[in-house]
Structure formats: structure tokens, C-alpha cells
Amino acid sequence: MKRIGLTLVAALCLTATTFAAGNQPTTAKWEGNINVSKLSKYLNLDAKQHEEVANICEYFTQQMAVPTLPRTTRSN
């Protein structure tokens, strides 16, 4: 009886893992577009804060456009 229970639990875990892995957006890429006006209105930001949020969004958009090199690990 114990084996049947453990087998069912293992099968359930395997099924859940497979289902969760199939729902991951592995090929989708987030563009990073944020509507600064809507965000500022939602957060009740003043003009200076709105401008700062716009600057931050622009900075991160520029940074995401720059390709990154993979990190290498050094072993001594």
C-alpha cells in the first residue's frame, strides 16, 4: 500500500512539473514598454517624479537594447 501511495505521489509531481514547464513563456521576449503616463496617474506622481520615472524607463530601454556577453567562470 505504501508503494502505491508513493508511486501516485511521484506521478502527480511529474505531471505537475511537466504541466508547469509547458506553460513557461521560454520564447517570448518582454519588450519593456511601460506607459509612464498611466503609471504616474496610478501612483499619483507629481511632475518631477513623472519626469524621473520617464528617465528611468528610457535608461532601461536603452540598456536592454545593448547585447550582453555571457559571463565566464574562472577556476584556479
C-alpha atoms as a PDB file:
ATOM      1  CA  MET A   1       0.000   0.000   0.000  1.00  0.00           C
ATOM      2  CA  LYS A   2       2.895   2.318   0.799  1.00  0.00           C
ATOM      3  CA  ARG A   3       4.445   1.724  -2.639  1.00  0.00           C
ATOM      4  CA  ILE A   4       1.196   2.534  -4.419  1.00  0.00           C
ATOM      5  CA  GLY A   5       0.883   5.777  -2.461  1.00  0.00           C
ATOM      6  CA  LEU A   6       4.463   6.820  -3.226  1.00  0.00           C
ATOM      7  CA  THR A   7       4.010   5.895  -6.889  1.00  0.00           C
ATOM      8  CA  LEU A   8       0.879   8.045  -7.113  1.00  0.00           C
ATOM      9  CA  VAL A   9       2.620  10.973  -5.422  1.00  0.00           C
ATOM     10  CA  ALA A  10       5.598  10.655  -7.790  1.00  0.00           C
ATOM     11  CA  ALA A  11       3.277  10.504 -10.804  1.00  0.00           C
ATOM     12  CA  LEU A  12       1.379  13.557  -9.576  1.00  0.00           C
ATOM     13  CA  CYS A  13       4.612  15.516  -9.063  1.00  0.00           C
ATOM     14  CA  LEU A  14       5.887  14.531 -12.505  1.00  0.00           C
ATOM     15  CA  THR A  15       2.600  15.548 -14.121  1.00  0.00           C
ATOM     16  CA  ALA A  16       2.559  18.898 -12.302  1.00  0.00           C
ATOM     17  CA  THR A  17       6.173  19.604 -13.252  1.00  0.00           C
ATOM     18  CA  THR A  18       5.549  18.753 -16.894  1.00  0.00           C
ATOM     19  CA  PHE A  19       2.436  20.898 -16.988  1.00  0.00           C
ATOM     20  CA  ALA A  20       4.213  23.851 -15.363  1.00  0.00           C
ATOM     21  CA  ALA A  21       7.200  23.569 -17.699  1.00  0.00           C
ATOM     22  CA  GLY A  22       4.900  23.591 -20.711  1.00  0.00           C
ATOM     23  CA  ASN A  23       3.293  26.865 -19.621  1.00  0.00           C
ATOM     24  CA  GLN A  24       6.520  28.841 -19.304  1.00  0.00           C
ATOM     25  CA  PRO A  25       6.993  31.542 -21.959  1.00  0.00           C
ATOM     26  CA  THR A  26      10.506  30.486 -22.965  1.00  0.00           C
ATOM     27  CA  THR A  27      10.472  32.067 -26.414  1.00  0.00           C
ATOM     28  CA  ALA A  28       8.539  35.209 -25.529  1.00  0.00           C
ATOM     29  CA  LYS A  29      10.589  38.325 -25.005  1.00  0.00           C
ATOM     30  CA  TRP A  30       9.348  41.237 -22.951  1.00  0.00           C
ATOM     31  CA  GLU A  31       9.747  44.479 -24.826  1.00  0.00           C
ATOM     32  CA  GLY A  32       9.838  46.577 -21.669  1.00  0.00           C
ATOM     33  CA  ASN A  33       7.344  49.192 -22.830  1.00  0.00           C
ATOM     34  CA  ILE A  34       5.800  50.975 -19.871  1.00  0.00           C
ATOM     35  CA  ASN A  35       3.078  53.582 -20.182  1.00  0.00           C
ATOM     36  CA  VAL A  36       4.642  56.243 -17.973  1.00  0.00           C
ATOM     37  CA  SER A  37       1.553  58.453 -18.035  1.00  0.00           C
ATOM     38  CA  LYS A  38      -0.744  55.696 -16.752  1.00  0.00           C
ATOM     39  CA  LEU A  39       1.820  54.656 -14.163  1.00  0.00           C
ATOM     40  CA  SER A  40       2.232  58.233 -12.944  1.00  0.00           C
ATOM     41  CA  LYS A  41      -1.517  58.704 -12.720  1.00  0.00           C
ATOM     42  CA  TYR A  42      -1.936  55.417 -10.828  1.00  0.00           C
ATOM     43  CA  LEU A  43       0.827  56.324  -8.358  1.00  0.00           C
ATOM     44  CA  ASN A  44      -0.278  59.984  -8.092  1.00  0.00           C
ATOM     45  CA  LEU A  45       3.169  61.285  -9.004  1.00  0.00           C
ATOM     46  CA  ASP A  46       3.942  64.957  -9.357  1.00  0.00           C
ATOM     47  CA  ALA A  47       5.618  66.407 -12.466  1.00  0.00           C
ATOM     48  CA  LYS A  48       9.176  65.926 -11.200  1.00  0.00           C
ATOM     49  CA  GLN A  49       8.527  62.315 -10.208  1.00  0.00           C
ATOM     50  CA  HIS A  50       6.832  61.700 -13.578  1.00  0.00           C
ATOM     51  CA  GLU A  51       9.913  63.004 -15.367  1.00  0.00           C
ATOM     52  CA  GLU A  52      12.207  60.842 -13.248  1.00  0.00           C
ATOM     53  CA  VAL A  53      10.152  57.715 -13.996  1.00  0.00           C
ATOM     54  CA  ALA A  54      10.288  58.556 -17.709  1.00  0.00           C
ATOM     55  CA  ASN A  55      14.080  58.923 -17.500  1.00  0.00           C
ATOM     56  CA  ILE A  56      14.422  55.600 -15.691  1.00  0.00           C
ATOM     57  CA  CYS A  57      12.238  53.813 -18.253  1.00  0.00           C
ATOM     58  CA  GLU A  58      14.236  55.319 -21.107  1.00  0.00           C
ATOM     59  CA  TYR A  59      17.516  54.278 -19.449  1.00  0.00           C
ATOM     60  CA  PHE A  60      16.403  50.678 -19.007  1.00  0.00           C
ATOM     61  CA  THR A  61      15.070  50.531 -22.568  1.00  0.00           C
ATOM     62  CA  GLN A  62      18.483  51.620 -23.826  1.00  0.00           C
ATOM     63  CA  GLN A  63      20.253  49.123 -21.565  1.00  0.00           C
ATOM     64  CA  MET A  64      18.054  46.250 -22.732  1.00  0.00           C
ATOM     65  CA  ALA A  65      18.961  47.061 -26.354  1.00  0.00           C
ATOM     66  CA  VAL A  66      22.679  46.550 -25.658  1.00  0.00           C
ATOM     67  CA  PRO A  67      23.708  42.904 -26.133  1.00  0.00           C
ATOM     68  CA  THR A  68      25.384  41.306 -23.153  1.00  0.00           C
ATOM     69  CA  LEU A  69      28.257  38.888 -23.201  1.00  0.00           C
ATOM     70  CA  PRO A  70      27.948  35.654 -21.238  1.00  0.00           C
ATOM     71  CA  ARG A  71      29.861  35.554 -18.000  1.00  0.00           C
ATOM     72  CA  THR A  72      32.696  33.098 -17.740  1.00  0.00           C
ATOM     73  CA  THR A  73      33.737  31.484 -14.515  1.00  0.00           C
ATOM     74  CA  ARG A  74      37.358  31.311 -13.629  1.00  0.00           C
ATOM     75  CA  SER A  75      38.691  28.289 -11.771  1.00  0.00           C
ATOM     76  CA  ASN A  76      42.113  28.440 -10.195  1.00  0.00           C
END
